[in-house]
């Protein structure tokens, strides 16, 4: 089965959401999830932490499940193992979340083939992999360099090219 390239518009639509659930935020202050959480907050996002094992984190109430968040969010950034991602996506379906980003940095990340398939079946926009920091304007350091390298080798998502054969 051929892998369809992720359109950049899907990423831009996700990042246009200013209220995002972060599912699987870690207790570890140097973890990718905490670094991304803090950067998104610094940029004005209202990031809602979700972890059933934490009552609060970084000064914010932590929710056990996305269904518990009120008012509901329209987007979830998933920072779990692939096995947990399957359950998280089921929760997102139940909560009516329309956009899911399964984080992947170095290593396996949160991507689960089953979860991606469920998103497609349910009409949920899904980003299976990638690190959101690579796509934020003005990103510095390793994230900017990583995005640059991905552009060079042709693996950076692009805007869909449309052609109108009927244009005069």
Protein backbone atom coordinates (compact mmCIF):
# COMPACT_ATOMS: atom_id res chain seq x y z
CA UNK A 1 0.00 0.00 0.00
CA UNK A 2 1.48 3.37 -1.04
CA UNK A 3 1.83 6.00 1.64
CA UNK A 4 0.05 9.22 0.71
CA UNK A 5 2.09 12.35 1.40
CA UNK A 6 0.68 14.50 4.17
CA UNK A 7 -0.58 17.86 2.88
CA UNK A 8 0.89 20.90 4.63
CA UNK A 9 -2.65 22.33 4.87
CA UNK A 10 -3.55 19.57 7.36
CA UNK A 11 -0.68 20.68 9.61
CA UNK A 12 -1.58 24.36 9.22
CA UNK A 13 -5.23 23.66 10.08
CA UNK A 14 -4.18 21.77 13.21
CA UNK A 15 -1.83 24.55 14.31
CA UNK A 16 -4.55 27.15 13.67
CA UNK A 17 -6.47 25.64 16.60
CA UNK A 18 -5.56 27.70 19.65
CA UNK A 19 -6.97 25.24 22.20
CA UNK A 20 -5.32 21.83 22.01
CA UNK A 21 -5.34 18.77 24.28
CA UNK A 22 -1.90 17.27 24.84
CA UNK A 23 -2.45 13.62 25.67
CA UNK A 24 0.37 11.85 27.46
CA UNK A 25 2.26 14.78 28.93
CA UNK A 26 5.15 13.50 31.00
CA UNK A 27 6.25 14.17 34.58
CA UNK A 28 9.81 14.53 33.32
CA UNK A 29 10.67 18.22 32.87
CA UNK A 30 13.11 17.56 29.97
CA UNK A 31 10.75 15.29 28.01
CA UNK A 32 9.65 16.15 24.48
CA UNK A 33 6.07 16.53 25.68
CA UNK A 34 6.97 19.14 28.30
CA UNK A 35 9.23 21.03 25.86
CA UNK A 36 6.45 21.13 23.24
CA UNK A 37 3.84 22.02 25.89
CA UNK A 38 5.89 24.97 27.13
CA UNK A 39 6.65 26.21 23.60
CA UNK A 40 3.01 26.06 22.54
CA UNK A 41 1.97 27.90 25.71
CA UNK A 42 4.67 30.53 25.09
CA UNK A 43 3.16 31.06 21.64
CA UNK A 44 -0.31 31.70 23.03
CA UNK A 45 -1.89 28.25 22.69
CA UNK A 46 -4.23 27.06 25.43
CA UNK A 47 -2.76 23.58 25.90
CA UNK A 48 -4.85 21.24 28.04
CA UNK A 49 -2.73 18.47 29.62
CA UNK A 50 -4.15 14.94 29.65
CA UNK A 51 -2.59 12.17 31.73
CA UNK A 52 -4.63 9.88 34.00
CA UNK A 53 -1.67 9.58 36.41
CA UNK A 54 -1.20 13.31 37.08
CA UNK A 55 -3.70 15.56 38.90
CA UNK A 56 -1.85 18.67 37.64
CA UNK A 57 1.25 19.59 35.71
CA UNK A 58 3.09 22.82 35.04
CA UNK A 59 0.50 24.74 37.04
CA UNK A 60 -2.47 23.42 35.07
CA UNK A 61 -5.15 20.89 35.93
CA UNK A 62 -4.46 17.61 34.19
CA UNK A 63 -7.42 15.65 32.84
CA UNK A 64 -7.65 11.86 32.87
CA UNK A 65 -9.28 11.61 29.41
CA UNK A 66 -10.07 13.98 26.56
CA UNK A 67 -13.79 13.42 27.20
CA UNK A 68 -13.37 15.10 30.59
CA UNK A 69 -12.22 18.43 29.12
CA UNK A 70 -14.84 21.20 29.28
CA UNK A 71 -15.38 23.01 27.05
CA UNK A 72 -14.35 20.37 24.52
CA UNK A 73 -11.31 20.82 22.32
CA UNK A 74 -11.23 20.27 18.56
CA UNK A 75 -7.63 19.03 18.38
CA UNK A 76 -5.44 16.57 20.28
CA UNK A 77 -1.67 16.17 20.17
CA UNK A 78 -0.93 12.58 21.19
CA UNK A 79 2.40 11.96 22.96
CA UNK A 80 1.88 8.33 24.00
CA UNK A 81 3.11 4.91 22.92
CA UNK A 82 1.38 3.43 19.85
CA UNK A 83 -0.49 0.97 22.06
CA UNK A 84 -1.94 3.77 24.18
CA UNK A 85 -2.63 5.85 21.05
CA UNK A 86 -5.25 3.27 19.99
CA UNK A 87 -7.28 3.98 23.16
CA UNK A 88 -6.66 7.74 22.93
CA UNK A 89 -8.05 7.85 19.38
CA UNK A 90 -11.13 5.90 20.52
CA UNK A 91 -11.53 8.55 23.24
CA UNK A 92 -11.11 11.32 20.65
CA UNK A 93 -13.87 9.76 18.53
CA UNK A 94 -16.15 9.62 21.58
CA UNK A 95 -15.34 13.25 22.49
CA UNK A 96 -15.97 14.51 18.95
CA UNK A 97 -12.40 15.70 18.38
CA UNK A 98 -11.87 16.40 14.67
CA UNK A 99 -8.06 16.70 14.48
CA UNK A 100 -5.41 14.33 15.87
CA UNK A 101 -1.63 14.68 15.67
CA UNK A 102 0.34 11.55 16.58
CA UNK A 103 3.74 12.88 17.60
CA UNK A 104 6.92 11.38 16.28
CA UNK A 105 10.38 12.73 16.94
CA UNK A 106 13.25 10.33 17.17
CA UNK A 107 12.07 6.76 17.53
CA UNK A 108 8.68 5.12 17.29
CA UNK A 109 6.59 8.01 18.55
CA UNK A 110 2.83 7.75 19.04
CA UNK A 111 1.86 6.52 15.56
CA UNK A 112 -0.36 3.44 15.43
CA UNK A 113 -1.61 2.03 12.11
CA UNK A 114 -4.89 1.04 13.74
CA UNK A 115 -5.37 4.53 15.19
CA UNK A 116 -4.62 6.16 11.82
CA UNK A 117 -7.17 3.86 10.16
CA UNK A 118 -9.81 4.75 12.81
CA UNK A 119 -9.17 8.46 12.20
CA UNK A 120 -9.68 8.00 8.45
CA UNK A 121 -12.84 5.92 8.98
CA UNK A 122 -14.26 8.57 11.35
CA UNK A 123 -13.39 11.56 9.14
CA UNK A 124 -10.81 12.87 11.60
CA UNK A 125 -7.92 14.84 10.12
CA UNK A 126 -4.81 12.96 11.22
CA UNK A 127 -1.12 13.78 11.20
CA UNK A 128 0.64 10.44 11.61
CA UNK A 129 4.08 11.49 12.77
CA UNK A 130 6.12 14.67 12.69
CA UNK A 131 7.02 17.10 15.46
CA UNK A 132 4.88 20.24 15.66
CA UNK A 133 7.89 22.38 16.57
CA UNK A 134 9.27 21.84 13.07
CA UNK A 135 6.25 23.66 11.61
CA UNK A 136 5.89 26.65 13.92
CA UNK A 137 7.01 29.99 12.46
CA UNK A 138 10.35 31.20 13.72
CA UNK A 139 11.38 27.84 15.17
CA UNK A 140 15.06 27.79 16.03
CA UNK A 141 17.76 25.22 16.59
CA UNK A 142 17.44 21.56 15.80
CA UNK A 143 13.77 21.81 14.79
CA UNK A 144 14.47 24.42 12.14
CA UNK A 145 17.45 22.42 10.85
CA UNK A 146 15.40 19.22 10.77
CA UNK A 147 12.70 20.96 8.71
CA UNK A 148 15.36 22.31 6.34
CA UNK A 149 16.83 18.83 5.83
CA UNK A 150 13.39 17.34 5.20
CA UNK A 151 12.74 20.00 2.55
CA UNK A 152 16.02 19.17 0.81
CA UNK A 153 15.28 15.44 0.65
CA UNK A 154 11.65 15.99 -0.37
CA UNK A 155 10.01 14.64 2.78
CA UNK A 156 8.61 17.93 4.11
CA UNK A 157 4.83 18.19 3.65
CA UNK A 158 3.76 20.57 0.86
CA UNK A 159 0.68 22.42 -0.20
CA UNK A 160 -1.40 20.42 -2.64
CA UNK A 161 -0.84 21.44 -6.22
CA UNK A 162 -4.01 21.84 -8.20
CA UNK A 163 -4.18 21.97 -11.93
CA UNK A 164 -7.10 23.16 -13.93
CA UNK A 165 -7.05 21.47 -17.32
CA UNK A 166 -10.06 23.50 -18.38
CA UNK A 167 -8.46 26.91 -17.80
CA UNK A 168 -8.01 28.98 -20.92
